Amino acid sequence: MRKIVLVAAVFSLLCTEGFTQSKCFKDIKGKWDIAGEQNEGVSLEIIDSSTILLTYMGETKKLIDHTIDFSKSPIWFDFSAEDTSSVVKVKSLLEIINEGLIKWQLFVNEERANHFSSSKGELLYLKRANTNTVVATIK
């Protein structure tokens, strides 16, 4: 009886491990636009592990000192950006909803919550930018 329970437990553990989805850098690589009209023109472009660009109010800034911790759930994404007179440090949370949508919460000048919070930070949604260019000729 013990062997049956042990085999069932090991099988359950292996099945659970096989079906869990681990997220990695390639899942977020690309250009992402902020969804919503109030944030039009804001985008995040993740080019590679050393180059991430943030476009805000017509200015594109390269993020510095960024770290992305995929071992956390939600993912921890911390970065700094140079402002005109200082460096702004931002802590944030990311959740990959699907291949075209990310939930992103920013904590500027405040401690990051361990989970998404309605009482702290600014919650945004990122949608994958359409990078396919269609060229048509009209005659």
N, C-alpha and C. Protein backbone atom coordinates (compact mmCIF):
# COMPACT_ATOMS: atom_id res chain seq x y z
N MET A 1 0.83 -1.20 0.00
CA MET A 1 0.00 0.00 0.00
C MET A 1 0.87 1.25 0.00
N ARG A 2 1.94 1.23 0.79
CA ARG A 2 2.84 2.39 0.84
C ARG A 2 3.45 2.66 -0.53
N LYS A 3 3.82 1.59 -1.25
CA LYS A 3 4.44 1.76 -2.56
C LYS A 3 3.47 2.41 -3.54
N ILE A 4 2.21 2.05 -3.47
CA ILE A 4 1.20 2.62 -4.36
C ILE A 4 1.04 4.11 -4.08
N VAL A 5 0.97 4.48 -2.81
CA VAL A 5 0.85 5.89 -2.43
C VAL A 5 2.08 6.67 -2.86
N LEU A 6 3.26 6.09 -2.66
CA LEU A 6 4.51 6.75 -3.05
C LEU A 6 4.58 6.94 -4.57
N VAL A 7 4.22 5.91 -5.33
CA VAL A 7 4.22 6.01 -6.79
C VAL A 7 3.21 7.07 -7.24
N ALA A 8 2.03 7.09 -6.63
CA ALA A 8 1.01 8.09 -6.99
C ALA A 8 1.51 9.50 -6.68
N ALA A 9 2.17 9.68 -5.56
CA ALA A 9 2.68 11.00 -5.18
C ALA A 9 3.76 11.46 -6.15
N VAL A 10 4.68 10.57 -6.51
CA VAL A 10 5.75 10.92 -7.45
C VAL A 10 5.16 11.25 -8.82
N PHE A 11 4.21 10.45 -9.27
CA PHE A 11 3.55 10.70 -10.56
C PHE A 11 2.86 12.05 -10.57
N SER A 12 2.16 12.38 -9.49
CA SER A 12 1.47 13.67 -9.39
C SER A 12 2.47 14.82 -9.44
N LEU A 13 3.57 14.68 -8.76
CA LEU A 13 4.60 15.71 -8.76
C LEU A 13 5.18 15.90 -10.15
N LEU A 14 5.47 14.81 -10.85
CA LEU A 14 6.02 14.91 -12.20
C LEU A 14 5.03 15.54 -13.17
N CYS A 15 3.78 15.20 -13.05
CA CYS A 15 2.75 15.78 -13.93
C CYS A 15 2.61 17.27 -13.68
N THR A 16 2.61 17.67 -12.42
CA THR A 16 2.49 19.09 -12.08
C THR A 16 3.67 19.86 -12.62
N GLU A 17 4.88 19.32 -12.47
CA GLU A 17 6.07 19.98 -12.97
C GLU A 17 6.04 20.08 -14.49
N GLY A 18 5.52 19.09 -15.15
CA GLY A 18 5.47 19.09 -16.61
C GLY A 18 4.50 20.10 -17.18
N PHE A 19 3.44 20.44 -16.45
CA PHE A 19 2.43 21.35 -16.97
C PHE A 19 2.62 22.79 -16.52
N THR A 20 3.51 23.06 -15.57
CA THR A 20 3.72 24.44 -15.15
C THR A 20 4.43 25.19 -16.26
N GLN A 21 4.07 26.44 -16.43
CA GLN A 21 4.67 27.24 -17.48
C GLN A 21 5.68 28.18 -16.86
N SER A 22 6.91 28.11 -17.33
CA SER A 22 7.91 29.04 -16.85
C SER A 22 8.08 30.12 -17.91
N LYS A 23 8.12 31.34 -17.47
CA LYS A 23 8.26 32.47 -18.39
C LYS A 23 9.73 32.84 -18.46
N CYS A 24 10.14 33.37 -19.60
CA CYS A 24 11.53 33.76 -19.77
C CYS A 24 11.59 35.04 -20.62
N PHE A 25 12.79 35.50 -20.84
CA PHE A 25 13.01 36.77 -21.51
C PHE A 25 12.36 36.83 -22.89
N LYS A 26 12.42 35.73 -23.63
CA LYS A 26 11.86 35.75 -25.00
C LYS A 26 10.35 36.01 -25.00
N ASP A 27 9.67 35.74 -23.87
CA ASP A 27 8.22 35.97 -23.79
C ASP A 27 7.87 37.46 -23.76
N ILE A 28 8.81 38.30 -23.34
CA ILE A 28 8.51 39.73 -23.25
C ILE A 28 9.29 40.56 -24.27
N LYS A 29 10.15 39.91 -25.03
CA LYS A 29 10.96 40.63 -26.02
C LYS A 29 10.05 41.19 -27.11
N GLY A 30 10.32 42.43 -27.52
CA GLY A 30 9.55 43.07 -28.58
C GLY A 30 9.08 44.45 -28.16
N LYS A 31 8.23 45.03 -28.96
CA LYS A 31 7.69 46.36 -28.66
C LYS A 31 6.29 46.22 -28.09
N TRP A 32 6.04 46.95 -27.02
CA TRP A 32 4.77 46.92 -26.31
C TRP A 32 4.23 48.33 -26.18
N ASP A 33 2.97 48.52 -26.53
CA ASP A 33 2.30 49.80 -26.38
C ASP A 33 1.41 49.75 -25.16
N ILE A 34 1.30 50.88 -24.48
CA ILE A 34 0.40 50.96 -23.34
C ILE A 34 -1.03 51.00 -23.87
N ALA A 35 -1.87 50.12 -23.37
CA ALA A 35 -3.27 50.09 -23.79
C ALA A 35 -4.03 51.20 -23.07
N GLY A 36 -4.93 51.83 -23.77
CA GLY A 36 -5.74 52.90 -23.16
C GLY A 36 -5.44 54.24 -23.77
N GLU A 37 -6.46 55.04 -23.89
CA GLU A 37 -6.32 56.34 -24.53
C GLU A 37 -5.52 57.35 -23.73
N GLN A 38 -5.60 57.28 -22.37
CA GLN A 38 -4.91 58.29 -21.57
C GLN A 38 -3.39 58.13 -21.63
N ASN A 39 -2.91 56.98 -22.07
CA ASN A 39 -1.47 56.75 -22.15
C ASN A 39 -0.99 56.55 -23.58
N GLU A 40 -1.70 57.12 -24.53
CA GLU A 40 -1.32 56.98 -25.94
C GLU A 40 0.08 57.53 -26.16
N GLY A 41 0.85 56.85 -26.98
CA GLY A 41 2.21 57.30 -27.27
C GLY A 41 3.24 56.77 -26.29
N VAL A 42 2.83 56.02 -25.29
CA VAL A 42 3.76 55.44 -24.34
C VAL A 42 4.04 54.01 -24.79
N SER A 43 5.33 53.64 -24.82
CA SER A 43 5.67 52.28 -25.22
C SER A 43 6.92 51.80 -24.49
N LEU A 44 7.06 50.50 -24.45
CA LEU A 44 8.21 49.83 -23.88
C LEU A 44 8.75 48.91 -24.96
N GLU A 45 10.02 49.05 -25.30
CA GLU A 45 10.61 48.20 -26.33
C GLU A 45 11.77 47.43 -25.72
N ILE A 46 11.61 46.11 -25.68
CA ILE A 46 12.63 45.23 -25.12
C ILE A 46 13.37 44.61 -26.28
N ILE A 47 14.55 45.14 -26.55
CA ILE A 47 15.32 44.73 -27.71
C ILE A 47 16.14 43.48 -27.40
N ASP A 48 16.91 43.54 -26.33
CA ASP A 48 17.67 42.40 -25.85
C ASP A 48 17.89 42.60 -24.35
N SER A 49 18.66 41.71 -23.74
CA SER A 49 18.80 41.76 -22.28
C SER A 49 19.54 43.00 -21.79
N SER A 50 20.21 43.72 -22.68
CA SER A 50 20.92 44.92 -22.25
C SER A 50 20.30 46.21 -22.78
N THR A 51 19.32 46.11 -23.67
CA THR A 51 18.73 47.31 -24.27
C THR A 51 17.21 47.29 -24.14
N ILE A 52 16.71 48.17 -23.26
CA ILE A 52 15.28 48.35 -23.09
C ILE A 52 14.99 49.84 -23.18
N LEU A 53 14.05 50.20 -24.06
CA LEU A 53 13.72 51.60 -24.29
C LEU A 53 12.31 51.90 -23.80
N LEU A 54 12.14 53.06 -23.18
CA LEU A 54 10.84 53.54 -22.73
C LEU A 54 10.55 54.84 -23.43
N THR A 55 9.42 54.92 -24.14
CA THR A 55 9.01 56.15 -24.80
C THR A 55 7.86 56.74 -24.02
N TYR A 56 8.03 58.02 -23.62
CA TYR A 56 7.03 58.69 -22.80
C TYR A 56 7.06 60.18 -23.14
N MET A 57 5.90 60.75 -23.42
CA MET A 57 5.78 62.17 -23.76
C MET A 57 6.73 62.57 -24.89
N GLY A 58 6.81 61.72 -25.91
CA GLY A 58 7.62 62.02 -27.07
C GLY A 58 9.11 61.79 -26.92
N GLU A 59 9.56 61.39 -25.76
CA GLU A 59 10.98 61.16 -25.53
C GLU A 59 11.24 59.67 -25.33
N THR A 60 12.28 59.17 -25.97
CA THR A 60 12.68 57.78 -25.80
C THR A 60 13.93 57.75 -24.93
N LYS A 61 13.85 56.97 -23.86
CA LYS A 61 14.97 56.86 -22.93
C LYS A 61 15.38 55.40 -22.81
N LYS A 62 16.68 55.18 -22.76
CA LYS A 62 17.20 53.84 -22.52
C LYS A 62 17.19 53.60 -21.02
N LEU A 63 16.59 52.49 -20.60
CA LEU A 63 16.56 52.16 -19.19
C LEU A 63 17.94 51.70 -18.75
N ILE A 64 18.31 52.13 -17.55
CA ILE A 64 19.61 51.75 -17.00
C ILE A 64 19.39 50.92 -15.73
N ASP A 65 20.39 50.15 -15.40
CA ASP A 65 20.35 49.33 -14.17
C ASP A 65 19.07 48.51 -14.05
N HIS A 66 18.67 47.87 -15.13
CA HIS A 66 17.43 47.08 -15.07
C HIS A 66 17.71 45.63 -14.69
N THR A 67 16.78 45.07 -13.92
CA THR A 67 16.82 43.65 -13.57
C THR A 67 15.42 43.07 -13.74
N ILE A 68 15.37 41.85 -14.24
CA ILE A 68 14.10 41.16 -14.42
C ILE A 68 14.24 39.80 -13.74
N ASP A 69 13.40 39.55 -12.74
CA ASP A 69 13.48 38.30 -11.98
C ASP A 69 12.28 37.42 -12.33
N PHE A 70 12.52 36.46 -13.22
CA PHE A 70 11.46 35.56 -13.67
C PHE A 70 11.15 34.47 -12.63
N SER A 71 11.97 34.36 -11.59
CA SER A 71 11.69 33.35 -10.56
C SER A 71 10.58 33.79 -9.62
N LYS A 72 10.24 35.06 -9.65
CA LYS A 72 9.15 35.60 -8.82
C LYS A 72 7.84 35.53 -9.59
N SER A 73 6.76 35.45 -8.85
CA SER A 73 5.43 35.48 -9.46
C SER A 73 4.55 36.43 -8.66
N PRO A 74 4.17 37.58 -9.23
CA PRO A 74 4.47 38.08 -10.57
C PRO A 74 5.96 38.41 -10.72
N ILE A 75 6.38 38.57 -11.96
CA ILE A 75 7.77 38.87 -12.30
C ILE A 75 8.15 40.24 -11.75
N TRP A 76 9.35 40.34 -11.16
CA TRP A 76 9.84 41.63 -10.68
C TRP A 76 10.70 42.25 -11.78
N PHE A 77 10.38 43.49 -12.13
CA PHE A 77 11.10 44.23 -13.16
C PHE A 77 11.44 45.59 -12.58
N ASP A 78 12.72 45.79 -12.25
CA ASP A 78 13.18 47.04 -11.66
C ASP A 78 14.13 47.73 -12.63
N PHE A 79 14.05 49.05 -12.67
CA PHE A 79 14.89 49.79 -13.59
C PHE A 79 15.05 51.22 -13.11
N SER A 80 15.99 51.90 -13.73
CA SER A 80 16.20 53.33 -13.51
C SER A 80 16.17 54.03 -14.87
N ALA A 81 15.74 55.27 -14.86
CA ALA A 81 15.72 56.08 -16.08
C ALA A 81 16.21 57.47 -15.73
N GLU A 82 17.03 58.02 -16.61
CA GLU A 82 17.53 59.37 -16.38
C GLU A 82 16.48 60.38 -16.77
N ASP A 83 16.19 61.28 -15.83
CA ASP A 83 15.30 62.40 -16.09
C ASP A 83 16.19 63.60 -16.40
N THR A 84 15.62 64.76 -16.62
CA THR A 84 16.43 65.93 -16.98
C THR A 84 17.44 66.28 -15.89
N SER A 85 17.06 66.11 -14.63
CA SER A 85 17.97 66.53 -13.56
C SER A 85 18.32 65.43 -12.57
N SER A 86 17.76 64.23 -12.75
CA SER A 86 18.02 63.16 -11.78
C SER A 86 17.79 61.79 -12.42
N VAL A 87 17.99 60.79 -11.60
CA VAL A 87 17.72 59.41 -12.02
C VAL A 87 16.52 58.92 -11.23
N VAL A 88 15.51 58.43 -11.95
CA VAL A 88 14.29 57.93 -11.32
C VAL A 88 14.40 56.42 -11.22
N LYS A 89 14.22 55.89 -10.00
CA LYS A 89 14.26 54.44 -9.79
C LYS A 89 12.83 53.93 -9.69
N VAL A 90 12.55 52.87 -10.44
CA VAL A 90 11.20 52.32 -10.50
C VAL A 90 11.26 50.83 -10.19
N LYS A 91 10.37 50.40 -9.33
CA LYS A 91 10.17 48.97 -9.08
C LYS A 91 8.84 48.64 -9.71
N SER A 92 8.74 47.46 -10.30
CA SER A 92 7.48 47.11 -10.95
C SER A 92 7.23 45.61 -10.92
N LEU A 93 6.00 45.26 -11.22
CA LEU A 93 5.56 43.87 -11.34
C LEU A 93 5.05 43.64 -12.75
N LEU A 94 5.33 42.46 -13.29
CA LEU A 94 4.84 42.07 -14.61
C LEU A 94 4.13 40.74 -14.52
N GLU A 95 3.03 40.63 -15.23
CA GLU A 95 2.37 39.33 -15.38
C GLU A 95 2.05 39.16 -16.86
N ILE A 96 2.54 38.09 -17.44
CA ILE A 96 2.27 37.81 -18.84
C ILE A 96 0.91 37.14 -18.91
N ILE A 97 -0.08 37.88 -19.40
CA ILE A 97 -1.44 37.36 -19.51
C ILE A 97 -1.53 36.36 -20.67
N ASN A 98 -1.03 36.77 -21.82
CA ASN A 98 -0.91 35.90 -22.99
C ASN A 98 0.18 36.48 -23.88
N GLU A 99 0.39 35.92 -25.06
CA GLU A 99 1.51 36.38 -25.89
C GLU A 99 1.35 37.80 -26.40
N GLY A 100 0.18 38.38 -26.24
CA GLY A 100 -0.05 39.74 -26.72
C GLY A 100 -0.44 40.74 -25.66
N LEU A 101 -0.43 40.33 -24.37
CA LEU A 101 -0.88 41.23 -23.31
C LEU A 101 -0.10 40.99 -22.02
N ILE A 102 0.37 42.09 -21.42
CA ILE A 102 1.10 42.05 -20.15
C ILE A 102 0.44 43.02 -19.18
N LYS A 103 0.29 42.58 -17.96
CA LYS A 103 -0.17 43.45 -16.86
C LYS A 103 1.10 44.00 -16.20
N TRP A 104 1.15 45.33 -15.99
CA TRP A 104 2.36 45.98 -15.49
C TRP A 104 1.98 46.99 -14.42
N GLN A 105 2.54 46.87 -13.24
CA GLN A 105 2.28 47.84 -12.18
C GLN A 105 3.60 48.48 -11.76
N LEU A 106 3.62 49.81 -11.80
CA LEU A 106 4.82 50.60 -11.50
C LEU A 106 4.73 51.19 -10.09
N PHE A 107 5.84 51.14 -9.38
CA PHE A 107 5.94 51.74 -8.05
C PHE A 107 7.10 52.73 -8.08
N VAL A 108 6.79 54.00 -8.20
CA VAL A 108 7.79 55.05 -8.26
C VAL A 108 7.86 55.72 -6.89
N ASN A 109 9.03 55.76 -6.31
CA ASN A 109 9.25 56.36 -4.99
C ASN A 109 8.38 55.73 -3.90
N GLU A 110 8.10 54.44 -4.01
CA GLU A 110 7.38 53.71 -2.98
C GLU A 110 7.79 52.25 -3.03
N GLU A 111 7.57 51.54 -1.96
CA GLU A 111 7.92 50.13 -1.91
C GLU A 111 6.99 49.32 -2.81
N ARG A 112 7.56 48.32 -3.42
CA ARG A 112 6.78 47.43 -4.29
C ARG A 112 5.93 46.50 -3.42
N ALA A 113 4.72 46.28 -3.83
CA ALA A 113 3.87 45.27 -3.20
C ALA A 113 4.34 43.90 -3.73
N ASN A 114 4.08 42.85 -2.97
CA ASN A 114 4.46 41.51 -3.42
C ASN A 114 3.53 41.00 -4.53
N HIS A 115 2.33 41.56 -4.57
CA HIS A 115 1.33 41.18 -5.57
C HIS A 115 0.70 42.46 -6.10
N PHE A 116 -0.06 42.37 -7.16
CA PHE A 116 -0.71 43.56 -7.71
C PHE A 116 -1.63 44.14 -6.65
N SER A 117 -1.65 45.47 -6.57
CA SER A 117 -2.38 46.15 -5.51
C SER A 117 -3.19 47.31 -6.09
N SER A 118 -4.38 47.48 -5.58
CA SER A 118 -5.19 48.62 -6.02
C SER A 118 -4.90 49.86 -5.19
N SER A 119 -4.16 49.69 -4.10
CA SER A 119 -3.90 50.83 -3.21
C SER A 119 -2.52 51.46 -3.41
N LYS A 120 -1.67 50.83 -4.21
CA LYS A 120 -0.32 51.36 -4.43
C LYS A 120 -0.01 51.30 -5.92
N GLY A 121 0.91 52.14 -6.34
CA GLY A 121 1.43 52.07 -7.69
C GLY A 121 0.43 52.44 -8.77
N GLU A 122 0.91 52.37 -10.01
CA GLU A 122 0.07 52.66 -11.17
C GLU A 122 -0.03 51.39 -12.02
N LEU A 123 -1.24 50.94 -12.25
CA LEU A 123 -1.49 49.71 -13.00
C LEU A 123 -1.74 50.03 -14.47
N LEU A 124 -1.00 49.36 -15.34
CA LEU A 124 -1.13 49.56 -16.78
C LEU A 124 -1.20 48.20 -17.46
N TYR A 125 -1.67 48.20 -18.69
CA TYR A 125 -1.66 47.00 -19.51
C TYR A 125 -0.86 47.31 -20.77
N LEU A 126 0.01 46.39 -21.14
CA LEU A 126 0.82 46.53 -22.34
C LEU A 126 0.30 45.56 -23.39
N LYS A 127 0.11 46.06 -24.61
CA LYS A 127 -0.30 45.18 -25.70
C LYS A 127 0.84 45.15 -26.71
N ARG A 128 1.08 43.97 -27.23
CA ARG A 128 2.17 43.81 -28.19
C ARG A 128 1.88 44.68 -29.42
N ALA A 129 2.87 45.47 -29.81
CA ALA A 129 2.71 46.36 -30.97
C ALA A 129 2.70 45.52 -32.24
N ASN A 130 1.89 45.93 -33.17
CA ASN A 130 1.82 45.27 -34.46
C ASN A 130 3.02 45.71 -35.28
N THR A 131 3.97 44.81 -35.44
CA THR A 131 5.20 45.16 -36.16
C THR A 131 5.15 44.72 -37.62
N ASN A 132 4.08 44.08 -38.02
CA ASN A 132 3.95 43.67 -39.42
C ASN A 132 3.59 44.88 -40.26
N THR A 133 4.36 45.13 -41.27
CA THR A 133 4.08 46.25 -42.16
C THR A 133 3.51 45.72 -43.47
N VAL A 134 2.38 46.25 -43.83
CA VAL A 134 1.74 45.85 -45.07
C VAL A 134 1.87 47.00 -46.05
N VAL A 135 2.43 46.70 -47.20
CA VAL A 135 2.58 47.72 -48.22
C VAL A 135 1.60 47.40 -49.34
N ALA A 136 0.81 48.41 -49.71
CA ALA A 136 -0.16 48.23 -50.78
C ALA A 136 0.03 49.34 -51.80
N THR A 137 -0.12 48.99 -53.02
CA THR A 137 -0.04 49.98 -54.08
C THR A 137 -1.42 50.16 -54.67
N ILE A 138 -1.87 51.41 -54.73
CA ILE A 138 -3.18 51.71 -55.29
C ILE A 138 -2.98 52.35 -56.65
N LYS A 139 -3.62 51.77 -57.67
CA LYS A 139 -3.46 52.30 -59.04
C LYS A 139 -4.74 52.87 -59.53
